[in-house]
C-alpha cells in the first residue's frame, strides 16, 4: 500500500501497482522516490514511452526490446542500455515498469 495525498493505493508484494488505472505522474514520482530515484523529466520521458509500448503491445518489455523501442522513438543517445542504467539502476526494465504502473516484465527476476 502506498499513500498519495488522501488516497491509499494497493501494491503487490514487490511494489507493483495492482490496478494500472491507479497510475498518475505524481504516483510515478512517489514510486521512484521509494526506489531511491530522484524522478525528473528524463525519467518521465522514458516512463511515458514505456506506457505507450504497453498500450501498443499489451506487455511490459524486457531490456532489449525496451532499448530498441526507445532508440526508435528518441534516437541512439537515449535508446541504449547505459542511458537506462543511469536513470533506473540495477534492472532498468523492471524498475521502469514498476514506476510506470505496469506489470513486471516476464523475464525479470
PDB file of N, CA and C in Angstrom:
ATOM      1  N   UNK A   1       0.853  -1.172   0.000  1.00  0.00           N
ATOM      2  CA  UNK A   1       0.000   0.000   0.000  1.00  0.00           C
ATOM      3  C   UNK A   1       0.900   1.237   0.000  1.00  0.00           C
ATOM      4  N   UNK A   2       0.503   2.231  -0.764  1.00  0.00           N
ATOM      5  CA  UNK A   2       1.237   3.492  -0.814  1.00  0.00           C
ATOM      6  C   UNK A   2       0.239   4.638  -0.668  1.00  0.00           C
ATOM      7  N   UNK A   3       0.652   5.661   0.048  1.00  0.00           N
ATOM      8  CA  UNK A   3      -0.221   6.806   0.309  1.00  0.00           C
ATOM      9  C   UNK A   3       0.136   7.940  -0.649  1.00  0.00           C
ATOM     10  N   UNK A   4      -0.861   8.421  -1.403  1.00  0.00           N
ATOM     11  CA  UNK A   4      -0.693   9.574  -2.293  1.00  0.00           C
ATOM     12  C   UNK A   4      -1.778  10.574  -1.924  1.00  0.00           C
ATOM     13  N   UNK A   5      -1.408  11.587  -1.162  1.00  0.00           N
ATOM     14  CA  UNK A   5      -2.409  12.519  -0.661  1.00  0.00           C
ATOM     15  C   UNK A   5      -3.354  11.777   0.264  1.00  0.00           C
ATOM     16  N   UNK A   6      -4.641  11.876  -0.018  1.00  0.00           N
ATOM     17  CA  UNK A   6      -5.656  11.185   0.784  1.00  0.00           C
ATOM     18  C   UNK A   6      -5.909   9.762   0.295  1.00  0.00           C
ATOM     19  N   UNK A   7      -5.349   9.419  -0.842  1.00  0.00           N
ATOM     20  CA  UNK A   7      -5.632   8.136  -1.474  1.00  0.00           C
ATOM     21  C   UNK A   7      -4.610   7.067  -1.062  1.00  0.00           C
ATOM     22  N   UNK A   8      -5.104   5.886  -0.715  1.00  0.00           N
ATOM     23  CA  UNK A   8      -4.248   4.721  -0.428  1.00  0.00           C
ATOM     24  C   UNK A   8      -4.339   3.799  -1.635  1.00  0.00           C
ATOM     25  N   UNK A   9      -3.187   3.519  -2.234  1.00  0.00           N
ATOM     26  CA  UNK A   9      -3.144   2.759  -3.477  1.00  0.00           C
ATOM     27  C   UNK A   9      -2.481   1.408  -3.210  1.00  0.00           C
ATOM     28  N   UNK A  10      -3.182   0.312  -3.537  1.00  0.00           N
ATOM     29  CA  UNK A  10      -2.622  -1.013  -3.260  1.00  0.00           C
ATOM     30  C   UNK A  10      -1.501  -1.393  -4.231  1.00  0.00           C
ATOM     31  N   UNK A  11      -0.473  -2.027  -3.658  1.00  0.00           N
ATOM     32  CA  UNK A  11       0.656  -2.564  -4.416  1.00  0.00           C
ATOM     33  C   UNK A  11       0.787  -4.049  -4.104  1.00  0.00           C
ATOM     34  N   UNK A  12       1.428  -4.788  -5.010  1.00  0.00           N
ATOM     35  CA  UNK A  12       1.680  -6.198  -4.720  1.00  0.00           C
ATOM     36  C   UNK A  12       2.922  -6.309  -3.817  1.00  0.00           C
ATOM     37  N   UNK A  13       3.340  -7.535  -3.529  1.00  0.00           N
ATOM     38  CA  UNK A  13       4.459  -7.769  -2.614  1.00  0.00           C
ATOM     39  C   UNK A  13       5.775  -7.172  -3.105  1.00  0.00           C
ATOM     40  N   UNK A  14       5.909  -6.976  -4.421  1.00  0.00           N
ATOM     41  CA  UNK A  14       7.150  -6.425  -4.989  1.00  0.00           C
ATOM     42  C   UNK A  14       7.055  -4.922  -5.252  1.00  0.00           C
ATOM     43  N   UNK A  15       5.918  -4.318  -4.935  1.00  0.00           N
ATOM     44  CA  UNK A  15       5.768  -2.884  -5.094  1.00  0.00           C
ATOM     45  C   UNK A  15       5.180  -2.450  -6.430  1.00  0.00           C
ATOM     46  N   UNK A  16       4.646  -3.396  -7.211  1.00  0.00           N
ATOM     47  CA  UNK A  16       3.986  -3.074  -8.479  1.00  0.00           C
ATOM     48  C   UNK A  16       2.523  -2.753  -8.202  1.00  0.00           C
ATOM     49  N   UNK A  17       1.978  -1.828  -8.990  1.00  0.00           N
ATOM     50  CA  UNK A  17       0.560  -1.486  -8.852  1.00  0.00           C
ATOM     51  C   UNK A  17      -0.312  -2.707  -9.111  1.00  0.00           C
ATOM     52  N   UNK A  18      -1.340  -2.851  -8.343  1.00  0.00           N
ATOM     53  CA  UNK A  18      -2.303  -3.928  -8.571  1.00  0.00           C
ATOM     54  C   UNK A  18      -3.276  -3.510  -9.665  1.00  0.00           C
ATOM     55  N   UNK A  19      -3.689  -2.245  -9.645  1.00  0.00           N
ATOM     56  CA  UNK A  19      -4.616  -1.726 -10.651  1.00  0.00           C
ATOM     57  C   UNK A  19      -3.905  -0.643 -11.466  1.00  0.00           C
ATOM     58  N   UNK A  20      -3.618  -0.917 -12.729  1.00  0.00           N
ATOM     59  CA  UNK A  20      -2.900   0.035 -13.583  1.00  0.00           C
ATOM     60  C   UNK A  20      -3.635   1.370 -13.715  1.00  0.00           C
ATOM     61  N   UNK A  21      -4.951   1.369 -13.526  1.00  0.00           N
ATOM     62  CA  UNK A  21      -5.726   2.606 -13.624  1.00  0.00           C
ATOM     63  C   UNK A  21      -5.436   3.575 -12.475  1.00  0.00           C
ATOM     64  N   UNK A  22      -4.765   3.114 -11.431  1.00  0.00           N
ATOM     65  CA  UNK A  22      -4.388   3.984 -10.317  1.00  0.00           C
ATOM     66  C   UNK A  22      -3.191   4.868 -10.663  1.00  0.00           C
ATOM     67  N   UNK A  23      -2.505   4.594 -11.774  1.00  0.00           N
ATOM     68  CA  UNK A  23      -1.277   5.300 -12.111  1.00  0.00           C
ATOM     69  C   UNK A  23      -1.529   6.772 -12.435  1.00  0.00           C
ATOM     70  N   UNK A  24      -0.583   7.608 -12.027  1.00  0.00           N
ATOM     71  CA  UNK A  24      -0.560   9.032 -12.373  1.00  0.00           C
ATOM     72  C   UNK A  24       0.897   9.481 -12.314  1.00  0.00           C
ATOM     73  N   UNK A  25       1.175  10.637 -12.889  1.00  0.00           N
ATOM     74  CA  UNK A  25       2.542  11.155 -12.827  1.00  0.00           C
ATOM     75  C   UNK A  25       2.989  11.413 -11.385  1.00  0.00           C
ATOM     76  N   UNK A  26       2.129  11.990 -10.529  1.00  0.00           N
ATOM     77  CA  UNK A  26       2.562  12.153  -9.127  1.00  0.00           C
ATOM     78  C   UNK A  26       2.848  10.807  -8.443  1.00  0.00           C
ATOM     79  N   UNK A  27       2.065   9.788  -8.768  1.00  0.00           N
ATOM     80  CA  UNK A  27       2.320   8.469  -8.197  1.00  0.00           C
ATOM     81  C   UNK A  27       3.648   7.918  -8.720  1.00  0.00           C
ATOM     82  N   UNK A  28       3.955   8.139  -9.991  1.00  0.00           N
ATOM     83  CA  UNK A  28       5.234   7.692 -10.554  1.00  0.00           C
ATOM     84  C   UNK A  28       6.388   8.319  -9.783  1.00  0.00           C
ATOM     85  N   UNK A  29       6.282   9.606  -9.481  1.00  0.00           N
ATOM     86  CA  UNK A  29       7.340  10.285  -8.723  1.00  0.00           C
ATOM     87  C   UNK A  29       7.485   9.680  -7.333  1.00  0.00           C
ATOM     88  N   UNK A  30       6.378   9.330  -6.712  1.00  0.00           N
ATOM     89  CA  UNK A  30       6.404   8.720  -5.382  1.00  0.00           C
ATOM     90  C   UNK A  30       6.997   7.313  -5.432  1.00  0.00           C
ATOM     91  N   UNK A  31       6.611   6.525  -6.442  1.00  0.00           N
ATOM     92  CA  UNK A  31       7.175   5.186  -6.597  1.00  0.00           C
ATOM     93  C   UNK A  31       8.676   5.259  -6.849  1.00  0.00           C
ATOM     94  N   UNK A  32       9.096   6.217  -7.660  1.00  0.00           N
ATOM     95  CA  UNK A  32      10.522   6.396  -7.926  1.00  0.00           C
ATOM     96  C   UNK A  32      11.262   6.753  -6.640  1.00  0.00           C
ATOM     97  N   UNK A  33      10.680   7.651  -5.860  1.00  0.00           N
ATOM     98  CA  UNK A  33      11.295   8.049  -4.598  1.00  0.00           C
ATOM     99  C   UNK A  33      11.486   6.844  -3.686  1.00  0.00           C
ATOM    100  N   UNK A  34      10.501   5.968  -3.640  1.00  0.00           N
ATOM    101  CA  UNK A  34      10.613   4.739  -2.824  1.00  0.00           C
ATOM    102  C   UNK A  34      11.761   3.861  -3.280  1.00  0.00           C
ATOM    103  N   UNK A  35      12.129   3.984  -4.555  1.00  0.00           N
ATOM    104  CA  UNK A  35      13.231   3.196  -5.119  1.00  0.00           C
ATOM    105  C   UNK A  35      14.563   3.947  -5.065  1.00  0.00           C
ATOM    106  N   UNK A  36      14.559   5.133  -4.447  1.00  0.00           N
ATOM    107  CA  UNK A  36      15.783   5.905  -4.326  1.00  0.00           C
ATOM    108  C   UNK A  36      16.160   6.676  -5.572  1.00  0.00           C
ATOM    109  N   UNK A  37      15.178   6.951  -6.431  1.00  0.00           N
ATOM    110  CA  UNK A  37      15.413   7.658  -7.689  1.00  0.00           C
ATOM    111  C   UNK A  37      14.874   9.085  -7.577  1.00  0.00           C
ATOM    112  N   UNK A  38      15.722  10.049  -7.931  1.00  0.00           N
ATOM    113  CA  UNK A  38      15.289  11.449  -7.987  1.00  0.00           C
ATOM    114  C   UNK A  38      14.598  11.653  -9.331  1.00  0.00           C
ATOM    115  N   UNK A  39      13.300  11.487  -9.342  1.00  0.00           N
ATOM    116  CA  UNK A  39      12.483  11.475 -10.557  1.00  0.00           C
ATOM    117  C   UNK A  39      12.489  12.835 -11.232  1.00  0.00           C
ATOM    118  N   UNK A  40      12.837  12.855 -12.521  1.00  0.00           N
ATOM    119  CA  UNK A  40      12.873  14.095 -13.280  1.00  0.00           C
ATOM    120  C   UNK A  40      12.311  13.920 -14.677  1.00  0.00           C
ATOM    121  N   UNK A  41      12.446  14.929 -15.518  1.00  0.00           N
ATOM    122  CA  UNK A  41      11.884  14.884 -16.876  1.00  0.00           C
ATOM    123  C   UNK A  41      12.418  13.738 -17.736  1.00  0.00           C
ATOM    124  N   UNK A  42      13.702  13.378 -17.562  1.00  0.00           N
ATOM    125  CA  UNK A  42      14.260  12.265 -18.344  1.00  0.00           C
ATOM    126  C   UNK A  42      13.575  10.952 -17.980  1.00  0.00           C
ATOM    127  N   UNK A  43      13.314  10.776 -16.693  1.00  0.00           N
ATOM    128  CA  UNK A  43      12.622   9.571 -16.236  1.00  0.00           C
ATOM    129  C   UNK A  43      11.203   9.531 -16.799  1.00  0.00           C
ATOM    130  N   UNK A  44      10.515  10.664 -16.692  1.00  0.00           N
ATOM    131  CA  UNK A  44       9.131  10.723 -17.161  1.00  0.00           C
ATOM    132  C   UNK A  44       9.054  10.437 -18.655  1.00  0.00           C
ATOM    133  N   UNK A  45      10.002  10.936 -19.424  1.00  0.00           N
ATOM    134  CA  UNK A  45      10.019  10.683 -20.866  1.00  0.00           C
ATOM    135  C   UNK A  45      10.065   9.178 -21.151  1.00  0.00           C
ATOM    136  N   UNK A  46      10.929   8.462 -20.439  1.00  0.00           N
ATOM    137  CA  UNK A  46      11.038   7.007 -20.616  1.00  0.00           C
ATOM    138  C   UNK A  46       9.771   6.315 -20.127  1.00  0.00           C
ATOM    139  N   UNK A  47       9.264   6.730 -18.986  1.00  0.00           N
ATOM    140  CA  UNK A  47       8.059   6.113 -18.409  1.00  0.00           C
ATOM    141  C   UNK A  47       6.867   6.264 -19.353  1.00  0.00           C
ATOM    142  N   UNK A  48       6.685   7.439 -19.918  1.00  0.00           N
ATOM    143  CA  UNK A  48       5.548   7.651 -20.830  1.00  0.00           C
ATOM    144  C   UNK A  48       5.693   6.805 -22.096  1.00  0.00           C
ATOM    145  N   UNK A  49       6.911   6.664 -22.603  1.00  0.00           N
ATOM    146  CA  UNK A  49       7.119   5.793 -23.770  1.00  0.00           C
ATOM    147  C   UNK A  49       6.911   4.326 -23.406  1.00  0.00           C
ATOM    148  N   UNK A  50       7.303   3.948 -22.225  1.00  0.00           N
ATOM    149  CA  UNK A  50       7.077   2.580 -21.761  1.00  0.00           C
ATOM    150  C   UNK A  50       5.584   2.287 -21.668  1.00  0.00           C
ATOM    151  N   UNK A  51       4.814   3.233 -21.180  1.00  0.00           N
ATOM    152  CA  UNK A  51       3.362   3.059 -21.120  1.00  0.00           C
ATOM    153  C   UNK A  51       2.762   2.984 -22.524  1.00  0.00           C
ATOM    154  N   UNK A  52       3.310   3.783 -23.437  1.00  0.00           N
ATOM    155  CA  UNK A  52       2.879   3.730 -24.840  1.00  0.00           C
ATOM    156  C   UNK A  52       3.172   2.351 -25.437  1.00  0.00           C
ATOM    157  N   UNK A  53       4.362   1.801 -25.167  1.00  0.00           N
ATOM    158  CA  UNK A  53       4.732   0.464 -25.620  1.00  0.00           C
ATOM    159  C   UNK A  53       3.720  -0.553 -25.097  1.00  0.00           C
ATOM    160  N   UNK A  54       3.382  -0.440 -23.802  1.00  0.00           N
ATOM    161  CA  UNK A  54       2.437  -1.382 -23.202  1.00  0.00           C
ATOM    162  C   UNK A  54       1.068  -1.299 -23.880  1.00  0.00           C
ATOM    163  N   UNK A  55       0.598  -0.115 -24.141  1.00  0.00           N
ATOM    164  CA  UNK A  55      -0.700   0.038 -24.809  1.00  0.00           C
ATOM    165  C   UNK A  55      -0.672  -0.566 -26.214  1.00  0.00           C
ATOM    166  N   UNK A  56       0.442  -0.430 -26.892  1.00  0.00           N
ATOM    167  CA  UNK A  56       0.563  -0.941 -28.248  1.00  0.00           C
ATOM    168  C   UNK A  56       0.700  -2.460 -28.293  1.00  0.00           C
ATOM    169  N   UNK A  57       1.506  -3.030 -27.384  1.00  0.00           N
ATOM    170  CA  UNK A  57       1.836  -4.459 -27.459  1.00  0.00           C
ATOM    171  C   UNK A  57       1.239  -5.302 -26.333  1.00  0.00           C
ATOM    172  N   UNK A  58       0.614  -4.671 -25.351  1.00  0.00           N
ATOM    173  CA  UNK A  58      -0.002  -5.364 -24.222  1.00  0.00           C
ATOM    174  C   UNK A  58       0.983  -6.190 -23.402  1.00  0.00           C
ATOM    175  N   UNK A  59       2.229  -5.700 -23.294  1.00  0.00           N
ATOM    176  CA  UNK A  59       3.208  -6.343 -22.428  1.00  0.00           C
ATOM    177  C   UNK A  59       4.255  -5.341 -22.013  1.00  0.00           C
ATOM    178  N   UNK A  60       4.871  -5.623 -20.876  1.00  0.00           N
ATOM    179  CA  UNK A  60       5.985  -4.810 -20.401  1.00  0.00           C
ATOM    180  C   UNK A  60       7.249  -5.369 -21.030  1.00  0.00           C
ATOM    181  N   UNK A  61       8.020  -4.550 -21.739  1.00  0.00           N
ATOM    182  CA  UNK A  61       9.173  -5.083 -22.457  1.00  0.00           C
ATOM    183  C   UNK A  61      10.339  -5.419 -21.536  1.00  0.00           C
ATOM    184  N   UNK A  62      11.072  -6.448 -21.929  1.00  0.00           N
ATOM    185  CA  UNK A  62      12.352  -6.738 -21.296  1.00  0.00           C
ATOM    186  C   UNK A  62      13.352  -5.689 -21.785  1.00  0.00           C
ATOM    187  N   UNK A  63      14.558  -5.763 -21.314  1.00  0.00           N
ATOM    188  CA  UNK A  63      15.558  -4.732 -21.600  1.00  0.00           C
ATOM    189  C   UNK A  63      15.810  -4.543 -23.101  1.00  0.00           C
ATOM    190  N   UNK A  64      16.060  -5.597 -23.830  1.00  0.00           N
ATOM    191  CA  UNK A  64      16.426  -5.462 -25.245  1.00  0.00           C
ATOM    192  C   UNK A  64      15.322  -4.798 -26.075  1.00  0.00           C
ATOM    193  N   UNK A  65      14.072  -5.265 -25.982  1.00  0.00           N
ATOM    194  CA  UNK A  65      13.015  -4.574 -26.735  1.00  0.00           C
ATOM    195  C   UNK A  65      12.784  -3.136 -26.264  1.00  0.00           C
ATOM    196  N   UNK A  66      12.991  -2.883 -24.977  1.00  0.00           N
ATOM    197  CA  UNK A  66      12.834  -1.523 -24.458  1.00  0.00           C
ATOM    198  C   UNK A  66      13.880  -0.599 -25.072  1.00  0.00           C
ATOM    199  N   UNK A  67      15.126  -1.046 -25.112  1.00  0.00           N
ATOM    200  CA  UNK A  67      16.205  -0.251 -25.702  1.00  0.00           C
ATOM    201  C   UNK A  67      15.909   0.031 -27.172  1.00  0.00           C
ATOM    202  N   UNK A  68      15.481  -0.985 -27.884  1.00  0.00           N
ATOM    203  CA  UNK A  68      15.181  -0.829 -29.311  1.00  0.00           C
ATOM    204  C   UNK A  68      14.048   0.179 -29.523  1.00  0.00           C
ATOM    205  N   UNK A  69      13.000   0.074 -28.717  1.00  0.00           N
ATOM    206  CA  UNK A  69      11.857   0.973 -28.837  1.00  0.00           C
ATOM    207  C   UNK A  69      12.267   2.417 -28.531  1.00  0.00           C
ATOM    208  N   UNK A  70      13.044   2.599 -27.465  1.00  0.00           N
ATOM    209  CA  UNK A  70      13.489   3.946 -27.123  1.00  0.00           C
ATOM    210  C   UNK A  70      14.388   4.529 -28.206  1.00  0.00           C
ATOM    211  N   UNK A  71      15.235   3.700 -28.806  1.00  0.00           N
ATOM    212  CA  UNK A  71      16.098   4.170 -29.891  1.00  0.00           C
ATOM    213  C   UNK A  71      15.255   4.633 -31.073  1.00  0.00           C
ATOM    214  N   UNK A  72      14.188   3.899 -31.367  1.00  0.00           N
ATOM    215  CA  UNK A  72      13.297   4.285 -32.472  1.00  0.00           C
ATOM    216  C   UNK A  72      12.583   5.596 -32.169  1.00  0.00           C
ATOM    217  N   UNK A  73      12.185   5.780 -30.920  1.00  0.00           N
ATOM    218  CA  UNK A  73      11.393   6.943 -30.535  1.00  0.00           C
ATOM    219  C   UNK A  73      12.237   8.178 -30.191  1.00  0.00           C
ATOM    220  N   UNK A  74      13.416   7.951 -29.575  1.00  0.00           N
ATOM    221  CA  UNK A  74      14.200   9.063 -29.046  1.00  0.00           C
ATOM    222  C   UNK A  74      15.584   9.207 -29.657  1.00  0.00           C
ATOM    223  N   UNK A  75      16.004   8.218 -30.443  1.00  0.00           N
ATOM    224  CA  UNK A  75      17.333   8.266 -31.037  1.00  0.00           C
ATOM    225  C   UNK A  75      18.348   7.468 -30.226  1.00  0.00           C
ATOM    226  N   UNK A  76      19.510   7.283 -30.814  1.00  0.00           N
ATOM    227  CA  UNK A  76      20.548   6.434 -30.236  1.00  0.00           C
ATOM    228  C   UNK A  76      21.096   6.968 -28.909  1.00  0.00           C
ATOM    229  N   UNK A  77      21.092   8.289 -28.717  1.00  0.00           N
ATOM    230  CA  UNK A  77      21.625   8.853 -27.469  1.00  0.00           C
ATOM    231  C   UNK A  77      20.862   8.362 -26.237  1.00  0.00           C
ATOM    232  N   UNK A  78      19.562   8.177 -26.398  1.00  0.00           N
ATOM    233  CA  UNK A  78      18.738   7.741 -25.267  1.00  0.00           C
ATOM    234  C   UNK A  78      18.301   6.286 -25.396  1.00  0.00           C
ATOM    235  N   UNK A  79      18.391   5.739 -26.565  1.00  0.00           N
ATOM    236  CA  UNK A  79      17.978   4.356 -26.783  1.00  0.00           C
ATOM    237  C   UNK A  79      19.150   3.411 -26.638  1.00  0.00           C
ATOM    238  N   UNK A  80      19.724   3.375 -25.425  1.00  0.00           N
ATOM    239  CA  UNK A  80      20.822   2.444 -25.167  1.00  0.00           C
ATOM    240  C   UNK A  80      20.812   2.032 -23.701  1.00  0.00           C
ATOM    241  N   UNK A  81      21.448   0.926 -23.419  1.00  0.00           N
ATOM    242  CA  UNK A  81      21.439   0.339 -22.079  1.00  0.00           C
ATOM    243  C   UNK A  81      22.074   1.255 -21.035  1.00  0.00           C
ATOM    244  N   UNK A  82      23.160   1.921 -21.390  1.00  0.00           N
ATOM    245  CA  UNK A  82      23.844   2.773 -20.415  1.00  0.00           C
ATOM    246  C   UNK A  82      22.964   3.921 -19.950  1.00  0.00           C
ATOM    247  N   UNK A  83      22.228   4.512 -20.885  1.00  0.00           N
ATOM    248  CA  UNK A  83      21.313   5.594 -20.538  1.00  0.00           C
ATOM    249  C   UNK A  83      20.248   5.087 -19.558  1.00  0.00           C
ATOM    250  N   UNK A  84      19.671   3.933 -19.855  1.00  0.00           N
ATOM    251  CA  UNK A  84      18.633   3.378 -18.981  1.00  0.00           C
ATOM    252  C   UNK A  84      19.198   2.984 -17.617  1.00  0.00           C
ATOM    253  N   UNK A  85      20.406   2.441 -17.601  1.00  0.00           N
ATOM    254  CA  UNK A  85      21.024   2.073 -16.324  1.00  0.00           C
ATOM    255  C   UNK A  85      21.315   3.307 -15.465  1.00  0.00           C
ATOM    256  N   UNK A  86      21.638   4.417 -16.101  1.00  0.00           N
ATOM    257  CA  UNK A  86      21.867   5.648 -15.352  1.00  0.00           C
ATOM    258  C   UNK A  86      20.564   6.147 -14.716  1.00  0.00           C
ATOM    259  N   UNK A  87      19.468   6.041 -15.469  1.00  0.00           N
ATOM    260  CA  UNK A  87      18.172   6.503 -14.960  1.00  0.00           C
ATOM    261  C   UNK A  87      17.540   5.527 -13.972  1.00  0.00           C
ATOM    262  N   UNK A  88      17.645   4.246 -14.277  1.00  0.00           N
ATOM    263  CA  UNK A  88      16.983   3.194 -13.490  1.00  0.00           C
ATOM    264  C   UNK A  88      18.018   2.129 -13.132  1.00  0.00           C
ATOM    265  N   UNK A  89      18.859   2.381 -12.124  1.00  0.00           N
ATOM    266  CA  UNK A  89      19.972   1.477 -11.797  1.00  0.00           C
ATOM    267  C   UNK A  89      19.509   0.068 -11.427  1.00  0.00           C
ATOM    268  N   UNK A  90      20.345  -0.888 -11.767  1.00  0.00           N
ATOM    269  CA  UNK A  90      20.075  -2.283 -11.420  1.00  0.00           C
ATOM    270  C   UNK A  90      19.404  -3.020 -12.548  1.00  0.00           C
ATOM    271  N   UNK A  91      18.096  -3.024 -12.542  1.00  0.00           N
ATOM    272  CA  UNK A  91      17.295  -3.708 -13.557  1.00  0.00           C
ATOM    273  C   UNK A  91      16.352  -2.681 -14.198  1.00  0.00           C
ATOM    274  N   UNK A  92      16.822  -1.950 -15.217  1.00  0.00           N
ATOM    275  CA  UNK A  92      16.030  -0.843 -15.767  1.00  0.00           C
ATOM    276  C   UNK A  92      14.633  -1.220 -16.244  1.00  0.00           C
ATOM    277  N   UNK A  93      14.495  -2.332 -16.950  1.00  0.00           N
ATOM    278  CA  UNK A  93      13.172  -2.690 -17.474  1.00  0.00           C
ATOM    279  C   UNK A  93      12.190  -2.952 -16.331  1.00  0.00           C
ATOM    280  N   UNK A  94      12.642  -3.659 -15.314  1.00  0.00           N
ATOM    281  CA  UNK A  94      11.779  -3.974 -14.175  1.00  0.00           C
ATOM    282  C   UNK A  94      11.442  -2.714 -13.376  1.00  0.00           C
ATOM    283  N   UNK A  95      12.452  -1.914 -13.084  1.00  0.00           N
ATOM    284  CA  UNK A  95      12.251  -0.716 -12.286  1.00  0.00           C
ATOM    285  C   UNK A  95      11.388   0.314 -13.019  1.00  0.00           C
ATOM    286  N   UNK A  96      11.656   0.513 -14.294  1.00  0.00           N
ATOM    287  CA  UNK A  96      10.864   1.468 -15.074  1.00  0.00           C
ATOM    288  C   UNK A  96       9.415   0.991 -15.190  1.00  0.00           C
ATOM    289  N   UNK A  97       9.208  -0.311 -15.365  1.00  0.00           N
ATOM    290  CA  UNK A  97       7.844  -0.848 -15.431  1.00  0.00           C
ATOM    291  C   UNK A  97       7.103  -0.617 -14.122  1.00  0.00           C
ATOM    292  N   UNK A  98       7.805  -0.811 -13.012  1.00  0.00           N
ATOM    293  CA  UNK A  98       7.190  -0.589 -11.699  1.00  0.00           C
ATOM    294  C   UNK A  98       6.753   0.871 -11.563  1.00  0.00           C
ATOM    295  N   UNK A  99       7.633   1.795 -11.922  1.00  0.00           N
ATOM    296  CA  UNK A  99       7.327   3.221 -11.797  1.00  0.00           C
ATOM    297  C   UNK A  99       6.250   3.640 -12.792  1.00  0.00           C
ATOM    298  N   UNK A 100       6.192   2.953 -13.940  1.00  0.00           N
ATOM    299  CA  UNK A 100       5.180   3.248 -14.960  1.00  0.00           C
ATOM    300  C   UNK A 100       3.822   2.636 -14.626  1.00  0.00           C
ATOM    301  N   UNK A 101       3.754   1.887 -13.532  1.00  0.00           N
ATOM    302  CA  UNK A 101       2.483   1.285 -13.137  1.00  0.00           C
ATOM    303  C   UNK A 101       2.103   0.081 -13.970  1.00  0.00           C
ATOM    304  N   UNK A 102       3.099  -0.562 -14.567  1.00  0.00           N
ATOM    305  CA  UNK A 102       2.857  -1.702 -15.449  1.00  0.00           C
ATOM    306  C   UNK A 102       3.287  -2.999 -14.765  1.00  0.00           C
ATOM    307  N   UNK A 103       2.856  -4.145 -15.320  1.00  0.00           N
ATOM    308  CA  UNK A 103       3.288  -5.420 -14.751  1.00  0.00           C
ATOM    309  C   UNK A 103       4.792  -5.608 -14.911  1.00  0.00           C
ATOM    310  N   UNK A 104       5.350  -6.452 -14.075  1.00  0.00           N
ATOM    311  CA  UNK A 104       6.767  -6.793 -14.174  1.00  0.00           C
ATOM    312  C   UNK A 104       6.999  -7.531 -15.493  1.00  0.00           C
ATOM    313  N   UNK A 105       8.054  -7.169 -16.242  1.00  0.00           N
ATOM    314  CA  UNK A 105       8.356  -7.908 -17.481  1.00  0.00           C
ATOM    315  C   UNK A 105       8.531  -9.395 -17.176  1.00  0.00           C
ATOM    316  N   UNK A 106       8.094 -10.241 -18.095  1.00  0.00           N
ATOM    317  CA  UNK A 106       8.067 -11.693 -17.874  1.00  0.00           C
ATOM    318  C   UNK A 106       9.415 -12.285 -17.477  1.00  0.00           C
ATOM    319  N   UNK A 107      10.483 -11.826 -18.092  1.00  0.00           N
ATOM    320  CA  UNK A 107      11.763 -12.479 -17.822  1.00  0.00           C
ATOM    321  C   UNK A 107      12.587 -11.804 -16.735  1.00  0.00           C
ATOM    322  N   UNK A 108      11.996 -10.893 -15.967  1.00  0.00           N
ATOM    323  CA  UNK A 108      12.714 -10.242 -14.865  1.00  0.00           C
ATOM    324  C   UNK A 108      12.513 -11.025 -13.580  1.00  0.00           C
ATOM    325  N   UNK A 109      13.594 -11.165 -12.838  1.00  0.00           N
ATOM    326  CA  UNK A 109      13.531 -11.899 -11.566  1.00  0.00           C
ATOM    327  C   UNK A 109      12.961 -11.028 -10.475  1.00  0.00           C
TER     328      UNK A 109
END
